[in-house]
Amino acid sequence: MAPFQEALVENLPRLRAFAQFLARDRALAEDLVQETALRALRNSDKFTPGTNMKAWLATILRNQFYNELRTRSRMAAFADMPHSAGQDAEQDAHLDMCDFERAFDALPRVQRDALSLVAARGFSYEEAAAIVGCAQGTVKSRVSRGRSALERALGRAKAESSLT
């Protein structure tokens, strides 16, 4: 197997986890990973050996996810996608997750992207910057602003729920 193909196979578990996080739907996540692998293979000549393949693949996957959302009737389908909440979770945990998802979805897209990559997927600031195509300091700022906004939103949600 060629080195490019070996590196692609090594990155498939990370791609699956990232796709699952973005899509919140197992079938869509698998479709995204398959499409990402196909696009990577088709465009293997555009990959520069010695650079970060993980970031390159994550960029392809993220762009494919956004393309998928656009084709699903301009975000209307996104609201209909199943959200991740454990079936056996207690009601409070479910409500907390709903509050988080609502607050997260209310963030500007650039902050959601930065938080998704750094806080949820474990990419370094440098890798996240390469994926989204901006400076490392910009990613740090977006993560910081996103976390602050989530803390404010979730603090308000908890305060409101304790009043009822």
N, C-alpha and C. Protein backbone atom coordinates (compact mmCIF):
# COMPACT_ATOMS: atom_id res chain seq x y z
N MET A 1 0.85 -1.17 0.00
CA MET A 1 0.00 0.00 0.00
C MET A 1 0.90 1.24 0.00
N ALA A 2 0.51 2.26 -0.76
CA ALA A 2 1.29 3.49 -0.88
C ALA A 2 1.26 4.26 0.44
N PRO A 3 2.30 5.05 0.71
CA PRO A 3 2.33 5.84 1.96
C PRO A 3 1.12 6.75 2.13
N PHE A 4 0.65 7.35 1.03
CA PHE A 4 -0.53 8.22 1.12
C PHE A 4 -1.74 7.42 1.59
N GLN A 5 -1.94 6.25 1.00
CA GLN A 5 -3.09 5.42 1.36
C GLN A 5 -2.97 4.92 2.80
N GLU A 6 -1.77 4.57 3.23
CA GLU A 6 -1.56 4.14 4.61
C GLU A 6 -1.92 5.26 5.59
N ALA A 7 -1.48 6.47 5.28
CA ALA A 7 -1.77 7.61 6.15
C ALA A 7 -3.27 7.89 6.17
N LEU A 8 -3.93 7.74 5.03
CA LEU A 8 -5.38 7.93 4.97
C LEU A 8 -6.09 6.92 5.86
N VAL A 9 -5.71 5.66 5.76
CA VAL A 9 -6.32 4.60 6.58
C VAL A 9 -6.08 4.87 8.07
N GLU A 10 -4.88 5.31 8.43
CA GLU A 10 -4.57 5.62 9.83
C GLU A 10 -5.46 6.73 10.37
N ASN A 11 -5.88 7.65 9.52
CA ASN A 11 -6.68 8.80 9.96
C ASN A 11 -8.19 8.53 9.93
N LEU A 12 -8.63 7.39 9.43
CA LEU A 12 -10.06 7.11 9.34
C LEU A 12 -10.77 7.14 10.70
N PRO A 13 -10.21 6.59 11.78
CA PRO A 13 -10.93 6.67 13.06
C PRO A 13 -11.15 8.12 13.52
N ARG A 14 -10.15 8.99 13.33
CA ARG A 14 -10.31 10.40 13.69
C ARG A 14 -11.37 11.07 12.83
N LEU A 15 -11.37 10.73 11.55
CA LEU A 15 -12.37 11.30 10.64
C LEU A 15 -13.78 10.86 11.05
N ARG A 16 -13.92 9.59 11.43
CA ARG A 16 -15.24 9.10 11.86
C ARG A 16 -15.73 9.85 13.10
N ALA A 17 -14.84 10.04 14.05
CA ALA A 17 -15.22 10.75 15.28
C ALA A 17 -15.59 12.19 14.97
N PHE A 18 -14.82 12.84 14.13
CA PHE A 18 -15.09 14.23 13.77
C PHE A 18 -16.42 14.33 13.01
N ALA A 19 -16.65 13.41 12.08
CA ALA A 19 -17.89 13.41 11.31
C ALA A 19 -19.09 13.17 12.23
N GLN A 20 -18.96 12.26 13.17
CA GLN A 20 -20.05 11.98 14.11
C GLN A 20 -20.35 13.22 14.95
N PHE A 21 -19.31 13.91 15.37
CA PHE A 21 -19.49 15.12 16.16
C PHE A 21 -20.22 16.19 15.34
N LEU A 22 -19.81 16.37 14.10
CA LEU A 22 -20.44 17.39 13.27
C LEU A 22 -21.87 17.03 12.89
N ALA A 23 -22.05 15.81 12.43
CA ALA A 23 -23.34 15.41 11.86
C ALA A 23 -24.38 15.02 12.90
N ARG A 24 -23.92 14.46 14.02
CA ARG A 24 -24.84 13.97 15.06
C ARG A 24 -25.78 12.91 14.52
N ASP A 25 -25.33 12.21 13.49
CA ASP A 25 -26.12 11.18 12.85
C ASP A 25 -25.14 10.16 12.25
N ARG A 26 -25.26 8.93 12.68
CA ARG A 26 -24.28 7.90 12.29
C ARG A 26 -24.23 7.68 10.78
N ALA A 27 -25.39 7.60 10.13
CA ALA A 27 -25.41 7.34 8.69
C ALA A 27 -24.78 8.50 7.91
N LEU A 28 -25.13 9.72 8.27
CA LEU A 28 -24.54 10.87 7.60
C LEU A 28 -23.04 10.94 7.87
N ALA A 29 -22.64 10.62 9.08
CA ALA A 29 -21.22 10.64 9.42
C ALA A 29 -20.44 9.64 8.56
N GLU A 30 -20.98 8.45 8.38
CA GLU A 30 -20.31 7.45 7.54
C GLU A 30 -20.24 7.91 6.09
N ASP A 31 -21.32 8.53 5.62
CA ASP A 31 -21.31 9.07 4.25
C ASP A 31 -20.24 10.14 4.11
N LEU A 32 -20.12 10.99 5.11
CA LEU A 32 -19.10 12.05 5.06
C LEU A 32 -17.69 11.48 5.03
N VAL A 33 -17.45 10.45 5.83
CA VAL A 33 -16.12 9.83 5.85
C VAL A 33 -15.81 9.19 4.51
N GLN A 34 -16.78 8.49 3.95
CA GLN A 34 -16.57 7.85 2.64
C GLN A 34 -16.29 8.89 1.57
N GLU A 35 -17.07 9.95 1.56
CA GLU A 35 -16.88 11.00 0.56
C GLU A 35 -15.53 11.70 0.76
N THR A 36 -15.14 11.90 2.01
CA THR A 36 -13.84 12.51 2.29
C THR A 36 -12.71 11.62 1.79
N ALA A 37 -12.80 10.33 2.03
CA ALA A 37 -11.77 9.40 1.57
C ALA A 37 -11.70 9.39 0.04
N LEU A 38 -12.85 9.40 -0.61
CA LEU A 38 -12.86 9.43 -2.08
C LEU A 38 -12.23 10.71 -2.61
N ARG A 39 -12.59 11.83 -2.03
CA ARG A 39 -12.03 13.11 -2.48
C ARG A 39 -10.54 13.17 -2.21
N ALA A 40 -10.13 12.65 -1.08
CA ALA A 40 -8.70 12.65 -0.77
C ALA A 40 -7.93 11.81 -1.78
N LEU A 41 -8.46 10.64 -2.11
CA LEU A 41 -7.79 9.79 -3.09
C LEU A 41 -7.76 10.43 -4.47
N ARG A 42 -8.89 11.05 -4.86
CA ARG A 42 -8.95 11.72 -6.15
C ARG A 42 -7.97 12.89 -6.23
N ASN A 43 -7.76 13.55 -5.10
CA ASN A 43 -6.91 14.75 -5.08
C ASN A 43 -5.59 14.53 -4.36
N SER A 44 -5.15 13.29 -4.31
CA SER A 44 -3.91 12.99 -3.61
C SER A 44 -2.72 13.76 -4.17
N ASP A 45 -2.79 14.14 -5.45
CA ASP A 45 -1.70 14.91 -6.05
C ASP A 45 -1.64 16.34 -5.48
N LYS A 46 -2.72 16.80 -4.86
CA LYS A 46 -2.74 18.15 -4.28
C LYS A 46 -2.23 18.18 -2.84
N PHE A 47 -2.04 17.01 -2.25
CA PHE A 47 -1.50 16.94 -0.90
C PHE A 47 0.01 17.04 -0.95
N THR A 48 0.55 17.90 -0.10
CA THR A 48 2.00 18.07 -0.04
C THR A 48 2.57 17.13 1.01
N PRO A 49 3.37 16.14 0.59
CA PRO A 49 3.97 15.22 1.56
C PRO A 49 4.77 15.99 2.61
N GLY A 50 4.67 15.53 3.85
CA GLY A 50 5.37 16.18 4.95
C GLY A 50 4.52 17.20 5.68
N THR A 51 3.36 17.55 5.12
CA THR A 51 2.46 18.47 5.81
C THR A 51 1.46 17.66 6.64
N ASN A 52 0.58 18.33 7.32
CA ASN A 52 -0.34 17.70 8.26
C ASN A 52 -1.54 17.08 7.53
N MET A 53 -1.50 15.77 7.33
CA MET A 53 -2.60 15.10 6.63
C MET A 53 -3.88 15.13 7.45
N LYS A 54 -3.76 15.04 8.77
CA LYS A 54 -4.95 15.06 9.63
C LYS A 54 -5.73 16.36 9.41
N ALA A 55 -5.04 17.47 9.35
CA ALA A 55 -5.69 18.77 9.13
C ALA A 55 -6.27 18.85 7.72
N TRP A 56 -5.53 18.32 6.74
CA TRP A 56 -5.99 18.34 5.36
C TRP A 56 -7.28 17.54 5.21
N LEU A 57 -7.32 16.36 5.79
CA LEU A 57 -8.51 15.51 5.72
C LEU A 57 -9.68 16.13 6.48
N ALA A 58 -9.41 16.71 7.65
CA ALA A 58 -10.47 17.34 8.43
C ALA A 58 -11.08 18.52 7.67
N THR A 59 -10.26 19.23 6.93
CA THR A 59 -10.77 20.34 6.11
C THR A 59 -11.69 19.82 5.03
N ILE A 60 -11.28 18.76 4.37
CA ILE A 60 -12.13 18.16 3.33
C ILE A 60 -13.46 17.71 3.94
N LEU A 61 -13.40 17.04 5.08
CA LEU A 61 -14.61 16.54 5.73
C LEU A 61 -15.52 17.69 6.16
N ARG A 62 -14.94 18.71 6.77
CA ARG A 62 -15.73 19.85 7.22
C ARG A 62 -16.40 20.54 6.03
N ASN A 63 -15.66 20.75 4.95
CA ASN A 63 -16.24 21.38 3.76
C ASN A 63 -17.34 20.51 3.16
N GLN A 64 -17.14 19.21 3.16
CA GLN A 64 -18.17 18.30 2.66
C GLN A 64 -19.42 18.37 3.53
N PHE A 65 -19.23 18.47 4.85
CA PHE A 65 -20.37 18.58 5.76
C PHE A 65 -21.17 19.85 5.44
N TYR A 66 -20.48 20.98 5.27
CA TYR A 66 -21.20 22.22 4.96
C TYR A 66 -21.87 22.15 3.59
N ASN A 67 -21.25 21.50 2.64
CA ASN A 67 -21.89 21.30 1.34
C ASN A 67 -23.16 20.47 1.49
N GLU A 68 -23.08 19.45 2.33
CA GLU A 68 -24.24 18.60 2.58
C GLU A 68 -25.38 19.39 3.21
N LEU A 69 -25.04 20.26 4.15
CA LEU A 69 -26.07 21.09 4.77
C LEU A 69 -26.75 22.00 3.75
N ARG A 70 -25.93 22.59 2.87
CA ARG A 70 -26.49 23.48 1.85
C ARG A 70 -27.43 22.74 0.92
N THR A 71 -27.07 21.52 0.56
CA THR A 71 -27.92 20.76 -0.34
C THR A 71 -29.19 20.27 0.35
N ARG A 72 -29.20 20.25 1.63
CA ARG A 72 -30.40 19.82 2.37
C ARG A 72 -31.28 21.02 2.69
N SER A 73 -31.48 21.83 1.70
CA SER A 73 -32.45 22.92 1.77
C SER A 73 -32.09 23.99 2.78
N ARG A 74 -30.86 24.48 2.64
CA ARG A 74 -30.41 25.68 3.36
C ARG A 74 -30.73 25.66 4.85
N MET A 75 -30.16 24.73 5.54
CA MET A 75 -30.20 24.62 7.00
C MET A 75 -31.53 24.13 7.57
N ALA A 76 -32.57 24.05 6.76
CA ALA A 76 -33.84 23.56 7.29
C ALA A 76 -33.71 22.11 7.74
N ALA A 77 -32.97 21.33 6.97
CA ALA A 77 -32.78 19.93 7.32
C ALA A 77 -31.93 19.77 8.56
N PHE A 78 -31.05 20.72 8.83
CA PHE A 78 -30.17 20.63 10.00
C PHE A 78 -30.98 20.59 11.29
N ALA A 79 -32.05 21.37 11.35
CA ALA A 79 -32.89 21.37 12.53
C ALA A 79 -33.60 20.03 12.72
N ASP A 80 -33.82 19.31 11.59
CA ASP A 80 -34.50 18.03 11.66
C ASP A 80 -33.56 16.86 11.95
N MET A 81 -32.25 17.10 11.91
CA MET A 81 -31.29 16.02 12.15
C MET A 81 -31.38 15.60 13.61
N PRO A 82 -31.26 14.31 13.85
CA PRO A 82 -31.34 13.86 15.24
C PRO A 82 -30.17 14.41 16.06
N HIS A 83 -30.48 14.85 17.25
CA HIS A 83 -29.45 15.37 18.16
C HIS A 83 -29.04 14.27 19.11
N SER A 84 -27.80 14.36 19.56
CA SER A 84 -27.30 13.32 20.45
C SER A 84 -27.75 13.57 21.88
N ALA A 85 -28.54 12.69 22.38
CA ALA A 85 -28.95 12.71 23.79
C ALA A 85 -29.23 11.26 24.16
N GLY A 86 -28.65 10.80 25.23
CA GLY A 86 -28.81 9.41 25.62
C GLY A 86 -30.25 9.07 25.93
N GLN A 87 -30.71 7.93 25.45
CA GLN A 87 -32.09 7.53 25.67
C GLN A 87 -32.34 7.21 27.14
N ASP A 88 -31.33 6.70 27.81
CA ASP A 88 -31.50 6.32 29.21
C ASP A 88 -31.09 7.44 30.17
N ALA A 89 -30.71 8.59 29.64
CA ALA A 89 -30.25 9.69 30.51
C ALA A 89 -31.42 10.22 31.32
N GLU A 90 -31.09 10.71 32.47
CA GLU A 90 -32.12 11.32 33.29
C GLU A 90 -32.60 12.60 32.63
N GLN A 91 -33.79 13.05 33.01
CA GLN A 91 -34.38 14.22 32.37
C GLN A 91 -33.50 15.46 32.55
N ASP A 92 -32.90 15.63 33.71
CA ASP A 92 -32.04 16.80 33.92
C ASP A 92 -30.85 16.80 32.98
N ALA A 93 -30.25 15.65 32.79
CA ALA A 93 -29.11 15.56 31.88
C ALA A 93 -29.55 15.85 30.45
N HIS A 94 -30.73 15.37 30.09
CA HIS A 94 -31.26 15.63 28.76
C HIS A 94 -31.51 17.12 28.57
N LEU A 95 -32.11 17.76 29.57
CA LEU A 95 -32.37 19.19 29.47
C LEU A 95 -31.07 19.98 29.43
N ASP A 96 -30.06 19.57 30.21
CA ASP A 96 -28.76 20.23 30.16
C ASP A 96 -28.16 20.11 28.76
N MET A 97 -28.27 18.95 28.17
CA MET A 97 -27.73 18.76 26.83
C MET A 97 -28.48 19.62 25.82
N CYS A 98 -29.79 19.69 25.96
CA CYS A 98 -30.58 20.54 25.07
C CYS A 98 -30.18 22.01 25.22
N ASP A 99 -29.97 22.43 26.47
CA ASP A 99 -29.51 23.80 26.71
C ASP A 99 -28.16 24.04 26.06
N PHE A 100 -27.26 23.08 26.20
CA PHE A 100 -25.93 23.22 25.59
C PHE A 100 -26.04 23.30 24.07
N GLU A 101 -26.81 22.39 23.48
CA GLU A 101 -26.94 22.38 22.02
C GLU A 101 -27.54 23.69 21.52
N ARG A 102 -28.53 24.19 22.23
CA ARG A 102 -29.16 25.46 21.84
C ARG A 102 -28.14 26.60 21.93
N ALA A 103 -27.39 26.63 23.02
CA ALA A 103 -26.37 27.68 23.20
C ALA A 103 -25.26 27.53 22.16
N PHE A 104 -24.83 26.31 21.91
CA PHE A 104 -23.78 26.06 20.94
C PHE A 104 -24.23 26.47 19.54
N ASP A 105 -25.46 26.09 19.17
CA ASP A 105 -25.99 26.43 17.84
C ASP A 105 -26.17 27.94 17.67
N ALA A 106 -26.34 28.67 18.78
CA ALA A 106 -26.52 30.12 18.72
C ALA A 106 -25.19 30.86 18.51
N LEU A 107 -24.08 30.19 18.73
CA LEU A 107 -22.78 30.83 18.53
C LEU A 107 -22.56 31.13 17.05
N PRO A 108 -21.77 32.16 16.76
CA PRO A 108 -21.39 32.37 15.36
C PRO A 108 -20.65 31.15 14.82
N ARG A 109 -20.79 30.89 13.55
CA ARG A 109 -20.21 29.69 12.93
C ARG A 109 -18.71 29.58 13.17
N VAL A 110 -17.99 30.71 13.12
CA VAL A 110 -16.54 30.64 13.30
C VAL A 110 -16.18 30.19 14.71
N GLN A 111 -16.98 30.58 15.71
CA GLN A 111 -16.72 30.14 17.08
C GLN A 111 -17.09 28.67 17.25
N ARG A 112 -18.19 28.23 16.63
CA ARG A 112 -18.56 26.82 16.69
C ARG A 112 -17.47 25.96 16.07
N ASP A 113 -16.97 26.38 14.91
CA ASP A 113 -15.91 25.63 14.24
C ASP A 113 -14.68 25.53 15.12
N ALA A 114 -14.26 26.65 15.69
CA ALA A 114 -13.05 26.67 16.52
C ALA A 114 -13.23 25.77 17.75
N LEU A 115 -14.37 25.90 18.43
CA LEU A 115 -14.63 25.06 19.60
C LEU A 115 -14.72 23.58 19.23
N SER A 116 -15.35 23.28 18.11
CA SER A 116 -15.47 21.90 17.67
C SER A 116 -14.11 21.27 17.45
N LEU A 117 -13.24 22.02 16.81
CA LEU A 117 -11.92 21.47 16.49
C LEU A 117 -11.03 21.37 17.71
N VAL A 118 -10.96 22.43 18.52
CA VAL A 118 -10.01 22.47 19.63
C VAL A 118 -10.55 21.77 20.87
N ALA A 119 -11.73 22.17 21.31
CA ALA A 119 -12.24 21.66 22.58
C ALA A 119 -12.84 20.26 22.45
N ALA A 120 -13.54 20.00 21.36
CA ALA A 120 -14.22 18.70 21.24
C ALA A 120 -13.38 17.65 20.53
N ARG A 121 -12.65 18.02 19.50
CA ARG A 121 -11.92 17.04 18.72
C ARG A 121 -10.45 16.94 19.11
N GLY A 122 -9.95 17.86 19.89
CA GLY A 122 -8.59 17.76 20.39
C GLY A 122 -7.50 18.22 19.45
N PHE A 123 -7.86 18.94 18.40
CA PHE A 123 -6.84 19.49 17.52
C PHE A 123 -6.09 20.59 18.26
N SER A 124 -4.82 20.76 17.94
CA SER A 124 -4.06 21.87 18.51
C SER A 124 -4.54 23.16 17.84
N TYR A 125 -4.20 24.29 18.45
CA TYR A 125 -4.56 25.57 17.84
C TYR A 125 -3.95 25.69 16.45
N GLU A 126 -2.73 25.22 16.32
CA GLU A 126 -2.03 25.28 15.03
C GLU A 126 -2.76 24.44 13.98
N GLU A 127 -3.17 23.22 14.35
CA GLU A 127 -3.89 22.37 13.41
C GLU A 127 -5.25 22.96 13.06
N ALA A 128 -5.95 23.48 14.06
CA ALA A 128 -7.25 24.09 13.81
C ALA A 128 -7.12 25.29 12.89
N ALA A 129 -6.08 26.08 13.08
CA ALA A 129 -5.84 27.25 12.22
C ALA A 129 -5.63 26.81 10.77
N ALA A 130 -4.90 25.72 10.59
CA ALA A 130 -4.67 25.21 9.24
C ALA A 130 -5.97 24.71 8.61
N ILE A 131 -6.82 24.10 9.42
CA ILE A 131 -8.09 23.56 8.90
C ILE A 131 -9.02 24.68 8.46
N VAL A 132 -9.17 25.72 9.31
CA VAL A 132 -10.12 26.79 8.98
C VAL A 132 -9.49 27.90 8.15
N GLY A 133 -8.18 27.87 8.00
CA GLY A 133 -7.51 28.84 7.14
C GLY A 133 -7.37 30.23 7.72
N CYS A 134 -6.96 30.30 8.98
CA CYS A 134 -6.72 31.60 9.61
C CYS A 134 -5.52 31.48 10.54
N ALA A 135 -5.18 32.59 11.18
CA ALA A 135 -4.03 32.61 12.08
C ALA A 135 -4.33 31.85 13.37
N GLN A 136 -3.29 31.32 13.99
CA GLN A 136 -3.43 30.57 15.24
C GLN A 136 -4.04 31.45 16.33
N GLY A 137 -3.62 32.70 16.41
CA GLY A 137 -4.16 33.62 17.40
C GLY A 137 -5.65 33.87 17.21
N THR A 138 -6.09 33.86 15.96
CA THR A 138 -7.51 34.03 15.67
C THR A 138 -8.31 32.85 16.21
N VAL A 139 -7.77 31.66 16.05
CA VAL A 139 -8.45 30.46 16.57
C VAL A 139 -8.53 30.55 18.09
N LYS A 140 -7.43 30.94 18.74
CA LYS A 140 -7.43 31.07 20.20
C LYS A 140 -8.49 32.06 20.65
N SER A 141 -8.59 33.16 19.94
CA SER A 141 -9.57 34.18 20.29
C SER A 141 -11.00 33.66 20.10
N ARG A 142 -11.23 32.96 19.01
CA ARG A 142 -12.57 32.41 18.75
C ARG A 142 -12.97 31.39 19.80
N VAL A 143 -12.03 30.54 20.19
CA VAL A 143 -12.30 29.55 21.23
C VAL A 143 -12.63 30.25 22.54
N SER A 144 -11.84 31.24 22.89
CA SER A 144 -12.06 31.97 24.14
C SER A 144 -13.42 32.67 24.14
N ARG A 145 -13.73 33.36 23.06
CA ARG A 145 -15.03 34.06 22.98
C ARG A 145 -16.18 33.06 22.98
N GLY A 146 -16.00 31.94 22.30
CA GLY A 146 -17.05 30.91 22.26
C GLY A 146 -17.30 30.30 23.63
N ARG A 147 -16.21 29.99 24.35
CA ARG A 147 -16.36 29.43 25.70
C ARG A 147 -17.06 30.42 26.63
N SER A 148 -16.67 31.69 26.53
CA SER A 148 -17.29 32.72 27.38
C SER A 148 -18.78 32.84 27.07
N ALA A 149 -19.11 32.83 25.79
CA ALA A 149 -20.52 32.94 25.40
C ALA A 149 -21.32 31.73 25.89
N LEU A 150 -20.72 30.54 25.80
CA LEU A 150 -21.41 29.34 26.30
C LEU A 150 -21.61 29.41 27.81
N GLU A 151 -20.59 29.84 28.53
CA GLU A 151 -20.72 29.97 29.98
C GLU A 151 -21.83 30.94 30.35
N ARG A 152 -21.90 32.07 29.66
CA ARG A 152 -22.96 33.05 29.94
C ARG A 152 -24.33 32.45 29.62
N ALA A 153 -24.45 31.83 28.45
CA ALA A 153 -25.74 31.27 28.04
C ALA A 153 -26.18 30.14 28.96
N LEU A 154 -25.26 29.27 29.33
CA LEU A 154 -25.61 28.14 30.19
C LEU A 154 -25.87 28.59 31.62
N GLY A 155 -25.18 29.61 32.05
CA GLY A 155 -25.45 30.17 33.38
C GLY A 155 -26.86 30.73 33.46
N ARG A 156 -27.28 31.42 32.40
CA ARG A 156 -28.64 31.96 32.34
C ARG A 156 -29.66 30.83 32.28
N ALA A 157 -29.37 29.79 31.52
CA ALA A 157 -30.31 28.67 31.38
C ALA A 157 -30.50 27.97 32.71
N LYS A 158 -29.41 27.78 33.47
CA LYS A 158 -29.52 27.13 34.77
C LYS A 158 -30.32 28.01 35.74
N ALA A 159 -30.04 29.32 35.71
CA ALA A 159 -30.76 30.24 36.59
C ALA A 159 -32.26 30.24 36.27
N GLU A 160 -32.59 30.23 34.99
CA GLU A 160 -34.00 30.22 34.59
C GLU A 160 -34.68 28.91 35.01
N SER A 161 -33.98 27.77 34.85
CA SER A 161 -34.60 26.50 35.19
C SER A 161 -34.77 26.33 36.71
N SER A 162 -33.91 26.97 37.48
CA SER A 162 -34.06 26.85 38.93
C SER A 162 -35.20 27.71 39.45
N LEU A 163 -35.64 28.68 38.65
CA LEU A 163 -36.76 29.53 39.05
C LEU A 163 -38.10 28.84 38.85
N THR A 164 -38.13 27.85 37.97
CA THR A 164 -39.40 27.20 37.69
C THR A 164 -39.63 25.99 38.56
